[in-house]
Amino acid sequence: MTAYPGEGVALELERLRRSVDVGFATTRGDLALLLQRADQTDKTLSDHEDRLDALERTRWPLPSLAAVVSCTALAVTLWEAAGR
């Protein structure tokens, strides 16, 4: 028999406490891993946004170029038509 009546309860409470501590430690580790991955994802996303901004700044402005070429073609056509 046990030394006092509450000894079994105390042992179960200690096991429960240990189990909760282990669970919290596991949860903290998982959370730290998720935070690290989120930071890496944010860094990767930031790098991609920077690269995309650089590409957008240096891309050839095709709609503007098309408008200039068409206006030039119209001007040349009108000039030739007026000259004949």
PDB file of N, CA and C in Angstrom:
ATOM      1  N   MET A   1       0.829  -1.171   0.000  1.00  0.00           N
ATOM      2  CA  MET A   1       0.000   0.000   0.000  1.00  0.00           C
ATOM      3  C   MET A   1       0.881   1.245   0.000  1.00  0.00           C
ATOM      4  N   THR A   2       0.347   2.368  -0.380  1.00  0.00           N
ATOM      5  CA  THR A   2       1.107   3.604  -0.462  1.00  0.00           C
ATOM      6  C   THR A   2       1.287   4.217   0.910  1.00  0.00           C
ATOM      7  N   ALA A   3       2.274   5.133   1.009  1.00  0.00           N
ATOM      8  CA  ALA A   3       2.590   5.746   2.293  1.00  0.00           C
ATOM      9  C   ALA A   3       1.475   6.684   2.740  1.00  0.00           C
ATOM     10  N   TYR A   4       0.886   7.390   1.825  1.00  0.00           N
ATOM     11  CA  TYR A   4      -0.249   8.252   2.180  1.00  0.00           C
ATOM     12  C   TYR A   4      -1.257   8.177   1.044  1.00  0.00           C
ATOM     13  N   PRO A   5      -2.512   8.513   1.315  1.00  0.00           N
ATOM     14  CA  PRO A   5      -3.568   8.279   0.320  1.00  0.00           C
ATOM     15  C   PRO A   5      -3.404   9.107  -0.960  1.00  0.00           C
ATOM     16  N   GLY A   6      -2.798  10.267  -0.937  1.00  0.00           N
ATOM     17  CA  GLY A   6      -2.698  11.113  -2.123  1.00  0.00           C
ATOM     18  C   GLY A   6      -1.458  10.863  -2.960  1.00  0.00           C
ATOM     19  N   GLU A   7      -0.670   9.867  -2.616  1.00  0.00           N
ATOM     20  CA  GLU A   7       0.581   9.625  -3.335  1.00  0.00           C
ATOM     21  C   GLU A   7       0.328   9.226  -4.785  1.00  0.00           C
ATOM     22  N   GLY A   8      -0.655   8.434  -5.045  1.00  0.00           N
ATOM     23  CA  GLY A   8      -0.987   8.022  -6.415  1.00  0.00           C
ATOM     24  C   GLY A   8      -1.419   9.213  -7.258  1.00  0.00           C
ATOM     25  N   VAL A   9      -2.194  10.099  -6.634  1.00  0.00           N
ATOM     26  CA  VAL A   9      -2.640  11.304  -7.340  1.00  0.00           C
ATOM     27  C   VAL A   9      -1.444  12.205  -7.652  1.00  0.00           C
ATOM     28  N   ALA A  10      -0.528  12.341  -6.700  1.00  0.00           N
ATOM     29  CA  ALA A  10       0.649  13.177  -6.905  1.00  0.00           C
ATOM     30  C   ALA A  10       1.511  12.626  -8.037  1.00  0.00           C
ATOM     31  N   LEU A  11       1.673  11.305  -8.100  1.00  0.00           N
ATOM     32  CA  LEU A  11       2.457  10.702  -9.173  1.00  0.00           C
ATOM     33  C   LEU A  11       1.801  10.937 -10.535  1.00  0.00           C
ATOM     34  N   GLU A  12       0.486  10.780 -10.589  1.00  0.00           N
ATOM     35  CA  GLU A  12      -0.226  11.008 -11.843  1.00  0.00           C
ATOM     36  C   GLU A  12      -0.146  12.471 -12.263  1.00  0.00           C
ATOM     37  N   LEU A  13      -0.217  13.374 -11.284  1.00  0.00           N
ATOM     38  CA  LEU A  13      -0.089  14.797 -11.603  1.00  0.00           C
ATOM     39  C   LEU A  13       1.314  15.114 -12.123  1.00  0.00           C
ATOM     40  N   GLU A  14       2.323  14.486 -11.546  1.00  0.00           N
ATOM     41  CA  GLU A  14       3.692  14.694 -12.019  1.00  0.00           C
ATOM     42  C   GLU A  14       3.864  14.151 -13.429  1.00  0.00           C
ATOM     43  N   ARG A  15       3.306  12.999 -13.739  1.00  0.00           N
ATOM     44  CA  ARG A  15       3.364  12.441 -15.094  1.00  0.00           C
ATOM     45  C   ARG A  15       2.617  13.344 -16.076  1.00  0.00           C
ATOM     46  N   LEU A  16       1.484  13.851 -15.652  1.00  0.00           N
ATOM     47  CA  LEU A  16       0.711  14.756 -16.496  1.00  0.00           C
ATOM     48  C   LEU A  16       1.492  16.040 -16.764  1.00  0.00           C
ATOM     49  N   ARG A  17       2.118  16.563 -15.725  1.00  0.00           N
ATOM     50  CA  ARG A  17       2.931  17.774 -15.869  1.00  0.00           C
ATOM     51  C   ARG A  17       4.085  17.539 -16.834  1.00  0.00           C
ATOM     52  N   ARG A  18       4.767  16.419 -16.706  1.00  0.00           N
ATOM     53  CA  ARG A  18       5.870  16.081 -17.594  1.00  0.00           C
ATOM     54  C   ARG A  18       5.378  15.943 -19.033  1.00  0.00           C
ATOM     55  N   SER A  19       4.234  15.312 -19.204  1.00  0.00           N
ATOM     56  CA  SER A  19       3.664  15.147 -20.542  1.00  0.00           C
ATOM     57  C   SER A  19       3.315  16.500 -21.163  1.00  0.00           C
ATOM     58  N   VAL A  20       2.751  17.397 -20.367  1.00  0.00           N
ATOM     59  CA  VAL A  20       2.412  18.730 -20.859  1.00  0.00           C
ATOM     60  C   VAL A  20       3.688  19.502 -21.198  1.00  0.00           C
ATOM     61  N   ASP A  21       4.719  19.392 -20.368  1.00  0.00           N
ATOM     62  CA  ASP A  21       5.989  20.072 -20.647  1.00  0.00           C
ATOM     63  C   ASP A  21       6.610  19.573 -21.951  1.00  0.00           C
ATOM     64  N   VAL A  22       6.582  18.276 -22.166  1.00  0.00           N
ATOM     65  CA  VAL A  22       7.117  17.707 -23.401  1.00  0.00           C
ATOM     66  C   VAL A  22       6.291  18.197 -24.593  1.00  0.00           C
ATOM     67  N   GLY A  23       4.983  18.236 -24.429  1.00  0.00           N
ATOM     68  CA  GLY A  23       4.118  18.730 -25.504  1.00  0.00           C
ATOM     69  C   GLY A  23       4.396  20.185 -25.836  1.00  0.00           C
ATOM     70  N   PHE A  24       4.575  21.015 -24.808  1.00  0.00           N
ATOM     71  CA  PHE A  24       4.902  22.423 -25.033  1.00  0.00           C
ATOM     72  C   PHE A  24       6.254  22.574 -25.726  1.00  0.00           C
ATOM     73  N   ALA A  25       7.232  21.784 -25.309  1.00  0.00           N
ATOM     74  CA  ALA A  25       8.561  21.854 -25.929  1.00  0.00           C
ATOM     75  C   ALA A  25       8.472  21.468 -27.407  1.00  0.00           C
ATOM     76  N   THR A  26       7.704  20.437 -27.706  1.00  0.00           N
ATOM     77  CA  THR A  26       7.524  20.022 -29.101  1.00  0.00           C
ATOM     78  C   THR A  26       6.819  21.113 -29.902  1.00  0.00           C
ATOM     79  N   THR A  27       5.801  21.703 -29.296  1.00  0.00           N
ATOM     80  CA  THR A  27       5.065  22.774 -29.969  1.00  0.00           C
ATOM     81  C   THR A  27       5.962  23.976 -30.209  1.00  0.00           C
ATOM     82  N   ARG A  28       6.790  24.328 -29.224  1.00  0.00           N
ATOM     83  CA  ARG A  28       7.719  25.445 -29.401  1.00  0.00           C
ATOM     84  C   ARG A  28       8.708  25.161 -30.531  1.00  0.00           C
ATOM     85  N   GLY A  29       9.208  23.942 -30.597  1.00  0.00           N
ATOM     86  CA  GLY A  29      10.133  23.569 -31.673  1.00  0.00           C
ATOM     87  C   GLY A  29       9.471  23.646 -33.031  1.00  0.00           C
ATOM     88  N   ASP A  30       8.252  23.128 -33.123  1.00  0.00           N
ATOM     89  CA  ASP A  30       7.531  23.200 -34.391  1.00  0.00           C
ATOM     90  C   ASP A  30       7.251  24.646 -34.785  1.00  0.00           C
ATOM     91  N   LEU A  31       6.884  25.473 -33.822  1.00  0.00           N
ATOM     92  CA  LEU A  31       6.620  26.882 -34.090  1.00  0.00           C
ATOM     93  C   LEU A  31       7.890  27.600 -34.548  1.00  0.00           C
ATOM     94  N   ALA A  32       9.006  27.291 -33.921  1.00  0.00           N
ATOM     95  CA  ALA A  32      10.272  27.905 -34.326  1.00  0.00           C
ATOM     96  C   ALA A  32      10.625  27.508 -35.761  1.00  0.00           C
ATOM     97  N   LEU A  33      10.385  26.247 -36.114  1.00  0.00           N
ATOM     98  CA  LEU A  33      10.653  25.784 -37.473  1.00  0.00           C
ATOM     99  C   LEU A  33       9.742  26.499 -38.470  1.00  0.00           C
ATOM    100  N   LEU A  34       8.467  26.643 -38.126  1.00  0.00           N
ATOM    101  CA  LEU A  34       7.535  27.346 -39.006  1.00  0.00           C
ATOM    102  C   LEU A  34       7.911  28.808 -39.174  1.00  0.00           C
ATOM    103  N   LEU A  35       8.354  29.437 -38.108  1.00  0.00           N
ATOM    104  CA  LEU A  35       8.784  30.828 -38.202  1.00  0.00           C
ATOM    105  C   LEU A  35      10.022  30.965 -39.086  1.00  0.00           C
ATOM    106  N   GLN A  36      10.943  30.028 -38.971  1.00  0.00           N
ATOM    107  CA  GLN A  36      12.146  30.052 -39.810  1.00  0.00           C
ATOM    108  C   GLN A  36      11.768  29.889 -41.277  1.00  0.00           C
ATOM    109  N   ARG A  37      10.861  28.962 -41.554  1.00  0.00           N
ATOM    110  CA  ARG A  37      10.432  28.765 -42.936  1.00  0.00           C
ATOM    111  C   ARG A  37       9.686  29.984 -43.456  1.00  0.00           C
ATOM    112  N   ALA A  38       8.880  30.616 -42.623  1.00  0.00           N
ATOM    113  CA  ALA A  38       8.163  31.825 -43.041  1.00  0.00           C
ATOM    114  C   ALA A  38       9.144  32.946 -43.350  1.00  0.00           C
ATOM    115  N   ASP A  39      10.193  33.076 -42.545  1.00  0.00           N
ATOM    116  CA  ASP A  39      11.211  34.086 -42.813  1.00  0.00           C
ATOM    117  C   ASP A  39      11.925  33.808 -44.133  1.00  0.00           C
ATOM    118  N   GLN A  40      12.244  32.537 -44.392  1.00  0.00           N
ATOM    119  CA  GLN A  40      12.890  32.178 -45.646  1.00  0.00           C
ATOM    120  C   GLN A  40      11.963  32.461 -46.828  1.00  0.00           C
ATOM    121  N   THR A  41      10.683  32.171 -46.662  1.00  0.00           N
ATOM    122  CA  THR A  41       9.715  32.426 -47.720  1.00  0.00           C
ATOM    123  C   THR A  41       9.585  33.924 -47.976  1.00  0.00           C
ATOM    124  N   ASP A  42       9.551  34.712 -46.903  1.00  0.00           N
ATOM    125  CA  ASP A  42       9.479  36.170 -47.055  1.00  0.00           C
ATOM    126  C   ASP A  42      10.713  36.700 -47.786  1.00  0.00           C
ATOM    127  N   LYS A  43      11.873  36.160 -47.454  1.00  0.00           N
ATOM    128  CA  LYS A  43      13.112  36.596 -48.111  1.00  0.00           C
ATOM    129  C   LYS A  43      13.083  36.227 -49.588  1.00  0.00           C
ATOM    130  N   THR A  44      12.659  35.019 -49.897  1.00  0.00           N
ATOM    131  CA  THR A  44      12.572  34.578 -51.284  1.00  0.00           C
ATOM    132  C   THR A  44      11.583  35.429 -52.062  1.00  0.00           C
ATOM    133  N   LEU A  45      10.440  35.710 -51.454  1.00  0.00           N
ATOM    134  CA  LEU A  45       9.425  36.537 -52.098  1.00  0.00           C
ATOM    135  C   LEU A  45       9.947  37.943 -52.340  1.00  0.00           C
ATOM    136  N   SER A  46      10.665  38.482 -51.387  1.00  0.00           N
ATOM    137  CA  SER A  46      11.244  39.813 -51.541  1.00  0.00           C
ATOM    138  C   SER A  46      12.267  39.825 -52.673  1.00  0.00           C
ATOM    139  N   ASP A  47      13.090  38.784 -52.755  1.00  0.00           N
ATOM    140  CA  ASP A  47      14.068  38.688 -53.839  1.00  0.00           C
ATOM    141  C   ASP A  47      13.372  38.623 -55.202  1.00  0.00           C
ATOM    142  N   HIS A  48      12.308  37.837 -55.285  1.00  0.00           N
ATOM    143  CA  HIS A  48      11.569  37.724 -56.542  1.00  0.00           C
ATOM    144  C   HIS A  48      10.908  39.054 -56.913  1.00  0.00           C
ATOM    145  N   GLU A  49      10.378  39.754 -55.942  1.00  0.00           N
ATOM    146  CA  GLU A  49       9.770  41.053 -56.222  1.00  0.00           C
ATOM    147  C   GLU A  49      10.812  42.050 -56.718  1.00  0.00           C
ATOM    148  N   ASP A  50      11.997  42.023 -56.122  1.00  0.00           N
ATOM    149  CA  ASP A  50      13.074  42.911 -56.577  1.00  0.00           C
ATOM    150  C   ASP A  50      13.474  42.597 -58.010  1.00  0.00           C
ATOM    151  N   ARG A  51      13.589  41.310 -58.318  1.00  0.00           N
ATOM    152  CA  ARG A  51      13.952  40.915 -59.678  1.00  0.00           C
ATOM    153  C   ARG A  51      12.869  41.313 -60.672  1.00  0.00           C
ATOM    154  N   LEU A  52      11.612  41.134 -60.291  1.00  0.00           N
ATOM    155  CA  LEU A  52      10.507  41.503 -61.170  1.00  0.00           C
ATOM    156  C   LEU A  52      10.462  43.005 -61.390  1.00  0.00           C
ATOM    157  N   ASP A  53      10.701  43.784 -60.343  1.00  0.00           N
ATOM    158  CA  ASP A  53      10.753  45.242 -60.494  1.00  0.00           C
ATOM    159  C   ASP A  53      11.874  45.658 -61.441  1.00  0.00           C
ATOM    160  N   ALA A  54      13.030  44.993 -61.328  1.00  0.00           N
ATOM    161  CA  ALA A  54      14.150  45.307 -62.214  1.00  0.00           C
ATOM    162  C   ALA A  54      13.807  44.969 -63.662  1.00  0.00           C
ATOM    163  N   LEU A  55      13.138  43.852 -63.870  1.00  0.00           N
ATOM    164  CA  LEU A  55      12.733  43.483 -65.226  1.00  0.00           C
ATOM    165  C   LEU A  55      11.706  44.453 -65.784  1.00  0.00           C
ATOM    166  N   GLU A  56      10.778  44.883 -64.946  1.00  0.00           N
ATOM    167  CA  GLU A  56       9.757  45.813 -65.409  1.00  0.00           C
ATOM    168  C   GLU A  56      10.359  47.176 -65.752  1.00  0.00           C
ATOM    169  N   ARG A  57      11.387  47.591 -65.040  1.00  0.00           N
ATOM    170  CA  ARG A  57      12.031  48.876 -65.325  1.00  0.00           C
ATOM    171  C   ARG A  57      12.795  48.835 -66.641  1.00  0.00           C
ATOM    172  N   THR A  58      13.394  47.695 -66.971  1.00  0.00           N
ATOM    173  CA  THR A  58      14.238  47.608 -68.154  1.00  0.00           C
ATOM    174  C   THR A  58      13.537  47.018 -69.367  1.00  0.00           C
ATOM    175  N   ARG A  59      12.282  46.679 -69.267  1.00  0.00           N
ATOM    176  CA  ARG A  59      11.611  46.059 -70.411  1.00  0.00           C
ATOM    177  C   ARG A  59      11.367  47.095 -71.499  1.00  0.00           C
ATOM    178  N   TRP A  60      11.265  46.615 -72.703  1.00  0.00           N
ATOM    179  CA  TRP A  60      11.054  47.492 -73.843  1.00  0.00           C
ATOM    180  C   TRP A  60       9.602  47.929 -73.859  1.00  0.00           C
ATOM    181  N   PRO A  61       9.334  49.217 -73.944  1.00  0.00           N
ATOM    182  CA  PRO A  61       7.945  49.705 -73.914  1.00  0.00           C
ATOM    183  C   PRO A  61       7.257  49.499 -75.264  1.00  0.00           C
ATOM    184  N   LEU A  62       6.804  48.299 -75.524  1.00  0.00           N
ATOM    185  CA  LEU A  62       6.234  47.963 -76.824  1.00  0.00           C
ATOM    186  C   LEU A  62       4.984  48.773 -77.173  1.00  0.00           C
ATOM    187  N   PRO A  63       4.041  48.986 -76.293  1.00  0.00           N
ATOM    188  CA  PRO A  63       2.872  49.789 -76.687  1.00  0.00           C
ATOM    189  C   PRO A  63       3.257  51.215 -77.076  1.00  0.00           C
ATOM    190  N   SER A  64       4.175  51.810 -76.352  1.00  0.00           N
ATOM    191  CA  SER A  64       4.612  53.164 -76.695  1.00  0.00           C
ATOM    192  C   SER A  64       5.353  53.167 -78.026  1.00  0.00           C
ATOM    193  N   LEU A  65       6.200  52.186 -78.231  1.00  0.00           N
ATOM    194  CA  LEU A  65       6.933  52.078 -79.484  1.00  0.00           C
ATOM    195  C   LEU A  65       5.980  51.871 -80.652  1.00  0.00           C
ATOM    196  N   ALA A  66       4.968  51.043 -80.466  1.00  0.00           N
ATOM    197  CA  ALA A  66       3.979  50.804 -81.525  1.00  0.00           C
ATOM    198  C   ALA A  66       3.229  52.083 -81.865  1.00  0.00           C
ATOM    199  N   ALA A  67       2.888  52.882 -80.871  1.00  0.00           N
ATOM    200  CA  ALA A  67       2.193  54.147 -81.123  1.00  0.00           C
ATOM    201  C   ALA A  67       3.086  55.105 -81.896  1.00  0.00           C
ATOM    202  N   VAL A  68       4.364  55.189 -81.534  1.00  0.00           N
ATOM    203  CA  VAL A  68       5.291  56.080 -82.239  1.00  0.00           C
ATOM    204  C   VAL A  68       5.472  55.636 -83.685  1.00  0.00           C
ATOM    205  N   VAL A  69       5.635  54.333 -83.907  1.00  0.00           N
ATOM    206  CA  VAL A  69       5.829  53.819 -85.266  1.00  0.00           C
ATOM    207  C   VAL A  69       4.586  54.057 -86.114  1.00  0.00           C
ATOM    208  N   SER A  70       3.412  53.836 -85.545  1.00  0.00           N
ATOM    209  CA  SER A  70       2.189  54.040 -86.325  1.00  0.00           C
ATOM    210  C   SER A  70       1.981  55.515 -86.645  1.00  0.00           C
ATOM    211  N   CYS A  71       2.290  56.409 -85.723  1.00  0.00           N
ATOM    212  CA  CYS A  71       2.180  57.853 -86.003  1.00  0.00           C
ATOM    213  C   CYS A  71       3.186  58.269 -87.067  1.00  0.00           C
ATOM    214  N   THR A  72       4.386  57.700 -87.009  1.00  0.00           N
ATOM    215  CA  THR A  72       5.393  57.998 -88.019  1.00  0.00           C
ATOM    216  C   THR A  72       4.946  57.493 -89.386  1.00  0.00           C
ATOM    217  N   ALA A  73       4.399  56.295 -89.423  1.00  0.00           N
ATOM    218  CA  ALA A  73       3.908  55.741 -90.693  1.00  0.00           C
ATOM    219  C   ALA A  73       2.773  56.595 -91.248  1.00  0.00           C
ATOM    220  N   LEU A  74       1.878  57.058 -90.393  1.00  0.00           N
ATOM    221  CA  LEU A  74       0.786  57.931 -90.823  1.00  0.00           C
ATOM    222  C   LEU A  74       1.337  59.247 -91.370  1.00  0.00           C
ATOM    223  N   ALA A  75       2.330  59.802 -90.694  1.00  0.00           N
ATOM    224  CA  ALA A  75       2.921  61.059 -91.145  1.00  0.00           C
ATOM    225  C   ALA A  75       3.619  60.891 -92.499  1.00  0.00           C
ATOM    226  N   VAL A  76       4.346  59.804 -92.678  1.00  0.00           N
ATOM    227  CA  VAL A  76       5.023  59.546 -93.952  1.00  0.00           C
ATOM    228  C   VAL A  76       3.985  59.338 -95.065  1.00  0.00           C
ATOM    229  N   THR A  77       2.932  58.619 -94.766  1.00  0.00           N
ATOM    230  CA  THR A  77       1.880  58.389 -95.756  1.00  0.00           C
ATOM    231  C   THR A  77       1.218  59.703 -96.162  1.00  0.00           C
ATOM    232  N   LEU A  78       0.886  60.549 -95.204  1.00  0.00           N
ATOM    233  CA  LEU A  78       0.266  61.837 -95.518  1.00  0.00           C
ATOM    234  C   LEU A  78       1.235  62.733 -96.292  1.00  0.00           C
ATOM    235  N   TRP A  79       2.523  62.672 -95.954  1.00  0.00           N
ATOM    236  CA  TRP A  79       3.517  63.485 -96.644  1.00  0.00           C
ATOM    237  C   TRP A  79       3.658  63.040 -98.106  1.00  0.00           C
ATOM    238  N   GLU A  80       3.679  61.714 -98.310  1.00  0.00           N
ATOM    239  CA  GLU A  80       3.781  61.197 -99.670  1.00  0.00           C
ATOM    240  C   GLU A  80       2.514  61.509-100.468  1.00  0.00           C
ATOM    241  N   ALA A  81       1.361  61.407 -99.814  1.00  0.00           N
ATOM    242  CA  ALA A  81       0.107  61.683-100.515  1.00  0.00           C
ATOM    243  C   ALA A  81       0.017  63.162-100.885  1.00  0.00           C
ATOM    244  N   ALA A  82       0.492  64.025-100.037  1.00  0.00           N
ATOM    245  CA  ALA A  82       0.444  65.470-100.318  1.00  0.00           C
ATOM    246  C   ALA A  82       1.485  65.845-101.379  1.00  0.00           C
ATOM    247  N   GLY A  83       2.552  65.123-101.474  1.00  0.00           N
ATOM    248  CA  GLY A  83       3.612  65.417-102.429  1.00  0.00           C
ATOM    249  C   GLY A  83       3.262  65.004-103.834  1.00  0.00           C
ATOM    250  N   ARG A  84       2.381  64.110-104.038  1.00  0.00           N
ATOM    251  CA  ARG A  84       2.038  63.632-105.383  1.00  0.00           C
ATOM    252  C   ARG A  84       1.013  64.430-106.027  1.00  0.00           C
TER     253      ARG A  84
END
